[in-house]
Amino acid sequence: MKKTLAVLLGTVLTFTGVGFGTGKVFLATEAKADVVDHDGATSAEDHGGGHGGGHGETEAAKDVVIEVGRVMVPIYKARTITYVIAQVGVSMPDNDEASFLRSEAGATEIRNDIIGAMMQLEKSPILNGPSIDSEKLSEHVLSSLEDDYSGIKDVLFLSLTKTETSRG
């Protein structure tokens, strides 16, 4: 009996530690915000060593797309719940505000603001129609973010899905 208890306890502790360590690794890599230039390059080496481009622009003057993560907005109806799920990015110049949004705290802050802006559209036809007009949704979210984030030029929905489930 004591051997069985010791083996069981050892197994539980081992797999708990492995699961915790694996979760830390996956969450750390998932939390990093990816930065991609509009032309698809992801680093200064892709632009010729980080020197100015052929158009006379410097790297700091280029716009970058900062992926801020996935958002999910529930829309409650009488008999169903519709979930709007989106992978969101913002387009802005590469400056101090962009550096802040690349951090975990900045990405979380703007993600919460995007969810709040989308929740305002809960009763509107933008989210309640048969399909979602991503241009109108992007314009609304951008207008609500302009007060707090002046450098944002565009809100991009990298993926946008709508799923309806019955209320149980």
Protein backbone atom coordinates (compact mmCIF):
# COMPACT_ATOMS: atom_id res chain seq x y z
CA MET A 1 0.00 0.00 0.00
CA LYS A 2 2.77 2.41 0.92
CA LYS A 3 4.66 1.63 -2.30
CA THR A 4 1.56 2.26 -4.41
CA LEU A 5 0.93 5.56 -2.67
CA ALA A 6 4.58 6.59 -3.13
CA VAL A 7 4.51 5.71 -6.86
CA LEU A 8 1.22 7.52 -7.36
CA LEU A 9 2.43 10.63 -5.53
CA GLY A 10 5.72 10.59 -7.42
CA THR A 11 3.93 10.31 -10.76
CA VAL A 12 1.57 13.18 -9.95
CA LEU A 13 4.41 15.44 -8.83
CA THR A 14 6.53 14.57 -11.88
CA PHE A 15 3.82 15.26 -14.42
CA THR A 16 2.71 18.41 -12.60
CA GLY A 17 6.24 19.78 -12.84
CA VAL A 18 6.56 18.82 -16.51
CA GLY A 19 3.19 20.39 -17.33
CA PHE A 20 4.02 23.58 -15.46
CA GLY A 21 7.39 23.90 -17.21
CA THR A 22 5.89 23.25 -20.64
CA GLY A 23 3.15 25.80 -20.02
CA LYS A 24 5.70 28.43 -19.06
CA VAL A 25 7.63 27.81 -22.28
CA PHE A 26 4.54 27.95 -24.49
CA LEU A 27 3.13 31.07 -22.82
CA ALA A 28 6.46 32.89 -23.04
CA THR A 29 6.73 32.31 -26.79
CA GLU A 30 3.06 33.10 -27.39
CA ALA A 31 3.19 36.42 -25.48
CA LYS A 32 5.87 37.94 -27.67
CA ALA A 33 4.37 40.30 -30.21
CA ASP A 34 5.47 39.69 -33.78
CA VAL A 35 6.46 42.66 -35.89
CA VAL A 36 6.21 42.52 -39.66
CA ASP A 37 6.79 45.38 -42.11
CA HIS A 38 4.12 46.00 -44.75
CA ASP A 39 6.39 44.50 -47.44
CA GLY A 40 6.61 41.25 -45.47
CA ALA A 41 10.19 41.61 -44.18
CA THR A 42 10.69 40.72 -40.56
CA SER A 43 14.17 42.02 -39.76
CA ALA A 44 16.71 44.66 -40.69
CA GLU A 45 18.77 42.06 -42.60
CA ASP A 46 15.90 41.63 -45.05
CA HIS A 47 16.26 45.32 -45.91
CA GLY A 48 19.95 45.23 -46.75
CA GLY A 49 21.56 45.39 -43.33
CA GLY A 50 19.31 48.00 -41.82
CA HIS A 51 20.36 50.90 -44.05
CA GLY A 52 17.84 53.25 -45.61
CA GLY A 53 15.71 51.89 -48.46
CA GLY A 54 15.92 52.99 -52.08
CA HIS A 55 13.13 55.56 -51.59
CA GLY A 56 15.14 57.74 -49.22
CA GLU A 57 13.29 56.46 -46.14
CA THR A 58 14.99 55.35 -42.96
CA GLU A 59 14.00 52.23 -41.07
CA ALA A 60 12.47 54.34 -38.27
CA ALA A 61 10.12 56.08 -40.72
CA LYS A 62 8.57 52.86 -42.04
CA ASP A 63 5.25 51.58 -40.82
CA VAL A 64 5.20 48.25 -39.05
CA VAL A 65 2.38 45.84 -38.29
CA ILE A 66 2.35 44.80 -34.66
CA GLU A 67 0.34 41.68 -33.91
CA VAL A 68 -1.40 42.29 -30.61
CA GLY A 69 -3.04 38.89 -30.33
CA ARG A 70 -6.39 37.17 -30.46
CA VAL A 71 -9.64 38.67 -29.21
CA MET A 72 -12.99 36.99 -28.65
CA VAL A 73 -16.21 38.96 -28.31
CA PRO A 74 -19.44 37.20 -27.29
CA ILE A 75 -22.74 38.52 -28.66
CA TYR A 76 -25.66 37.31 -26.55
CA LYS A 77 -29.03 36.75 -28.23
CA ALA A 78 -32.24 35.17 -26.96
CA ARG A 79 -31.48 31.64 -28.13
CA THR A 80 -27.86 31.76 -29.28
CA ILE A 81 -24.46 33.17 -28.44
CA THR A 82 -22.33 34.35 -31.34
CA TYR A 83 -18.58 34.52 -30.81
CA VAL A 84 -16.52 36.84 -32.99
CA ILE A 85 -12.91 35.68 -32.88
CA ALA A 86 -10.15 37.75 -34.47
CA GLN A 87 -6.37 37.86 -34.71
CA VAL A 88 -5.66 41.60 -34.57
CA GLY A 89 -2.73 43.75 -35.62
CA VAL A 90 -2.13 47.48 -35.77
CA SER A 91 -0.22 49.46 -38.37
CA MET A 92 1.88 52.36 -37.12
CA PRO A 93 5.28 54.06 -37.48
CA ASP A 94 8.15 52.33 -35.71
CA ASN A 95 8.57 54.65 -32.70
CA ASP A 96 8.40 54.63 -28.88
CA GLU A 97 4.67 53.89 -28.85
CA ALA A 98 5.28 50.91 -31.16
CA SER A 99 7.98 49.69 -28.80
CA PHE A 100 5.49 49.86 -25.93
CA LEU A 101 2.85 47.91 -27.89
CA ARG A 102 5.41 45.18 -28.60
CA SER A 103 5.71 44.57 -24.86
CA GLU A 104 3.34 42.20 -23.09
CA ALA A 105 1.79 45.02 -21.07
CA GLY A 106 1.23 47.17 -24.15
CA ALA A 107 -0.26 44.33 -26.17
CA THR A 108 -2.60 43.44 -23.30
CA GLU A 109 -3.70 47.06 -22.88
CA ILE A 110 -4.53 47.62 -26.54
CA ARG A 111 -6.15 44.17 -26.83
CA ASN A 112 -8.51 45.12 -23.95
CA ASP A 113 -9.31 48.43 -25.67
CA ILE A 114 -10.05 46.62 -28.94
CA ILE A 115 -12.39 44.21 -27.13
CA GLY A 116 -14.16 47.19 -25.55
CA ALA A 117 -14.58 48.88 -28.92
CA MET A 118 -15.98 45.68 -30.44
CA MET A 119 -18.37 45.19 -27.49
CA GLN A 120 -19.89 48.61 -28.31
CA LEU A 121 -21.00 47.10 -31.64
CA GLU A 122 -22.87 44.21 -30.00
CA LYS A 123 -26.27 45.41 -31.25
CA SER A 124 -25.07 46.92 -34.55
CA PRO A 125 -25.45 45.30 -37.98
CA ILE A 126 -21.66 45.25 -38.37
CA LEU A 127 -21.36 42.23 -36.07
CA ASN A 128 -24.93 40.90 -36.32
CA GLY A 129 -25.28 40.53 -40.08
CA PRO A 130 -24.75 37.28 -41.95
CA SER A 131 -21.11 38.25 -42.48
CA ILE A 132 -18.85 40.76 -40.79
CA ASP A 133 -17.74 43.81 -42.77
CA SER A 134 -14.10 43.96 -41.69
CA GLU A 135 -13.58 47.43 -43.21
CA LYS A 136 -16.39 49.01 -41.15
CA LEU A 137 -15.27 47.10 -38.07
CA SER A 138 -11.71 48.30 -38.57
CA GLU A 139 -12.86 51.92 -39.01
CA HIS A 140 -14.94 51.80 -35.81
CA VAL A 141 -12.15 50.23 -33.73
CA LEU A 142 -9.61 52.71 -35.15
CA SER A 143 -11.83 55.70 -34.30
CA SER A 144 -12.24 54.48 -30.71
CA LEU A 145 -8.48 53.90 -30.32
CA GLU A 146 -7.35 57.25 -31.78
CA ASP A 147 -7.72 59.13 -28.49
CA ASP A 148 -5.41 56.83 -26.52
CA TYR A 149 -3.04 55.70 -29.29
CA SER A 150 -2.31 58.60 -31.63
CA GLY A 151 0.25 56.78 -33.78
CA ILE A 152 -2.01 54.00 -35.03
CA LYS A 153 -2.76 54.30 -38.74
CA ASP A 154 -4.89 51.20 -39.23
CA VAL A 155 -6.40 48.29 -37.33
CA LEU A 156 -5.93 45.04 -39.23
CA PHE A 157 -7.95 41.89 -38.73
CA LEU A 158 -5.47 39.20 -39.75
CA SER A 159 -8.14 36.53 -39.27
CA LEU A 160 -11.79 37.05 -38.48
CA THR A 161 -14.32 34.31 -37.77
CA LYS A 162 -17.85 34.21 -36.46
CA THR A 163 -19.24 31.17 -34.64
CA GLU A 164 -22.78 30.73 -33.39
CA THR A 165 -23.73 28.29 -30.63
CA SER A 166 -27.09 27.58 -29.03
CA ARG A 167 -27.75 28.67 -25.49
CA GLY A 168 -28.22 25.78 -23.22
